[in-house]
Amino acid sequence: MLKLTFKVNGDGKVDNEDLKIIAQSTTH
């Protein structure tokens, strides 16, 4: 079971770096 953790900034937005990491983890 793949667990994705989103790191959000103070404004509640997800960083592009996190999206890239998540994208790589889901494609593999």
PDB file of N, CA and C in Angstrom:
ATOM      1  N   MET A   1       0.850  -1.198   0.000  1.00  0.00           N
ATOM      2  CA  MET A   1       0.000   0.000   0.000  1.00  0.00           C
ATOM      3  C   MET A   1       0.883   1.244   0.000  1.00  0.00           C
ATOM      4  N   LEU A   2       0.693   2.086  -1.012  1.00  0.00           N
ATOM      5  CA  LEU A   2       1.530   3.266  -1.145  1.00  0.00           C
ATOM      6  C   LEU A   2       0.926   4.429  -0.372  1.00  0.00           C
ATOM      7  N   LYS A   3       1.730   4.994   0.514  1.00  0.00           N
ATOM      8  CA  LYS A   3       1.256   6.115   1.322  1.00  0.00           C
ATOM      9  C   LYS A   3       1.938   7.392   0.871  1.00  0.00           C
ATOM     10  N   LEU A   4       1.138   8.363   0.444  1.00  0.00           N
ATOM     11  CA  LEU A   4       1.696   9.625  -0.033  1.00  0.00           C
ATOM     12  C   LEU A   4       1.553  10.692   1.034  1.00  0.00           C
ATOM     13  N   THR A   5       2.661  11.349   1.314  1.00  0.00           N
ATOM     14  CA  THR A   5       2.625  12.413   2.322  1.00  0.00           C
ATOM     15  C   THR A   5       2.862  13.752   1.646  1.00  0.00           C
ATOM     16  N   PHE A   6       1.944  14.669   1.841  1.00  0.00           N
ATOM     17  CA  PHE A   6       2.062  15.974   1.214  1.00  0.00           C
ATOM     18  C   PHE A   6       2.633  16.989   2.197  1.00  0.00           C
ATOM     19  N   LYS A   7       3.761  17.588   1.824  1.00  0.00           N
ATOM     20  CA  LYS A   7       4.334  18.642   2.661  1.00  0.00           C
ATOM     21  C   LYS A   7       3.806  19.976   2.165  1.00  0.00           C
ATOM     22  N   VAL A   8       3.079  20.663   3.018  1.00  0.00           N
ATOM     23  CA  VAL A   8       2.484  21.933   2.614  1.00  0.00           C
ATOM     24  C   VAL A   8       3.157  23.087   3.328  1.00  0.00           C
ATOM     25  N   ASN A   9       3.176  24.231   2.658  1.00  0.00           N
ATOM     26  CA  ASN A   9       3.766  25.426   3.255  1.00  0.00           C
ATOM     27  C   ASN A   9       2.772  26.068   4.205  1.00  0.00           C
ATOM     28  N   GLY A  10       3.135  27.220   4.756  1.00  0.00           N
ATOM     29  CA  GLY A  10       2.267  27.909   5.694  1.00  0.00           C
ATOM     30  C   GLY A  10       0.973  28.353   5.034  1.00  0.00           C
ATOM     31  N   ASP A  11       1.047  28.587   3.716  1.00  0.00           N
ATOM     32  CA  ASP A  11      -0.152  29.039   3.005  1.00  0.00           C
ATOM     33  C   ASP A  11      -1.022  27.873   2.574  1.00  0.00           C
ATOM     34  N   GLY A  12      -0.551  26.666   2.827  1.00  0.00           N
ATOM     35  CA  GLY A  12      -1.346  25.477   2.522  1.00  0.00           C
ATOM     36  C   GLY A  12      -1.180  24.994   1.100  1.00  0.00           C
ATOM     37  N   LYS A  13      -0.175  25.511   0.391  1.00  0.00           N
ATOM     38  CA  LYS A  13       0.057  25.072  -0.985  1.00  0.00           C
ATOM     39  C   LYS A  13       1.124  23.982  -1.024  1.00  0.00           C
ATOM     40  N   VAL A  14       0.977  23.059  -1.954  1.00  0.00           N
ATOM     41  CA  VAL A  14       1.956  21.985  -2.090  1.00  0.00           C
ATOM     42  C   VAL A  14       3.078  22.435  -3.023  1.00  0.00           C
ATOM     43  N   ASP A  15       4.310  22.196  -2.611  1.00  0.00           N
ATOM     44  CA  ASP A  15       5.452  22.615  -3.429  1.00  0.00           C
ATOM     45  C   ASP A  15       5.568  21.764  -4.689  1.00  0.00           C
ATOM     46  N   ASN A  16       6.121  22.352  -5.742  1.00  0.00           N
ATOM     47  CA  ASN A  16       6.333  21.614  -6.986  1.00  0.00           C
ATOM     48  C   ASN A  16       7.323  20.480  -6.776  1.00  0.00           C
ATOM     49  N   GLU A  17       8.282  20.687  -5.883  1.00  0.00           N
ATOM     50  CA  GLU A  17       9.259  19.643  -5.579  1.00  0.00           C
ATOM     51  C   GLU A  17       8.554  18.407  -5.033  1.00  0.00           C
ATOM     52  N   ASP A  18       7.568  18.631  -4.168  1.00  0.00           N
ATOM     53  CA  ASP A  18       6.818  17.511  -3.593  1.00  0.00           C
ATOM     54  C   ASP A  18       6.020  16.801  -4.679  1.00  0.00           C
ATOM     55  N   LEU A  19       5.447  17.583  -5.597  1.00  0.00           N
ATOM     56  CA  LEU A  19       4.659  16.994  -6.672  1.00  0.00           C
ATOM     57  C   LEU A  19       5.535  16.118  -7.562  1.00  0.00           C
ATOM     58  N   LYS A  20       6.762  16.565  -7.801  1.00  0.00           N
ATOM     59  CA  LYS A  20       7.686  15.790  -8.628  1.00  0.00           C
ATOM     60  C   LYS A  20       8.039  14.475  -7.942  1.00  0.00           C
ATOM     61  N   ILE A  21       8.302  14.551  -6.640  1.00  0.00           N
ATOM     62  CA  ILE A  21       8.646  13.350  -5.872  1.00  0.00           C
ATOM     63  C   ILE A  21       7.471  12.378  -5.863  1.00  0.00           C
ATOM     64  N   ILE A  22       6.278  12.921  -5.679  1.00  0.00           N
ATOM     65  CA  ILE A  22       5.077  12.078  -5.657  1.00  0.00           C
ATOM     66  C   ILE A  22       4.870  11.446  -7.028  1.00  0.00           C
ATOM     67  N   ALA A  23       5.088  12.218  -8.079  1.00  0.00           N
ATOM     68  CA  ALA A  23       4.910  11.713  -9.440  1.00  0.00           C
ATOM     69  C   ALA A  23       5.890  10.579  -9.716  1.00  0.00           C
ATOM     70  N   GLN A  24       7.138  10.748  -9.276  1.00  0.00           N
ATOM     71  CA  GLN A  24       8.144   9.711  -9.491  1.00  0.00           C
ATOM     72  C   GLN A  24       7.807   8.452  -8.704  1.00  0.00           C
ATOM     73  N   SER A  25       7.306   8.633  -7.475  1.00  0.00           N
ATOM     74  CA  SER A  25       7.007   7.479  -6.626  1.00  0.00           C
ATOM     75  C   SER A  25       5.800   6.708  -7.156  1.00  0.00           C
ATOM     76  N   THR A  26       4.879   7.416  -7.817  1.00  0.00           N
ATOM     77  CA  THR A  26       3.672   6.746  -8.306  1.00  0.00           C
ATOM     78  C   THR A  26       3.927   6.061  -9.648  1.00  0.00           C
ATOM     79  N   THR A  27       4.860   6.580 -10.447  1.00  0.00           N
ATOM     80  CA  THR A  27       5.115   6.002 -11.762  1.00  0.00           C
ATOM     81  C   THR A  27       5.967   4.751 -11.660  1.00  0.00           C
ATOM     82  N   HIS A  28       6.748   4.614 -10.618  1.00  0.00           N
ATOM     83  CA  HIS A  28       7.630   3.453 -10.476  1.00  0.00           C
ATOM     84  C   HIS A  28       6.926   2.285  -9.811  1.00  0.00           C
TER      85      HIS A  28
END
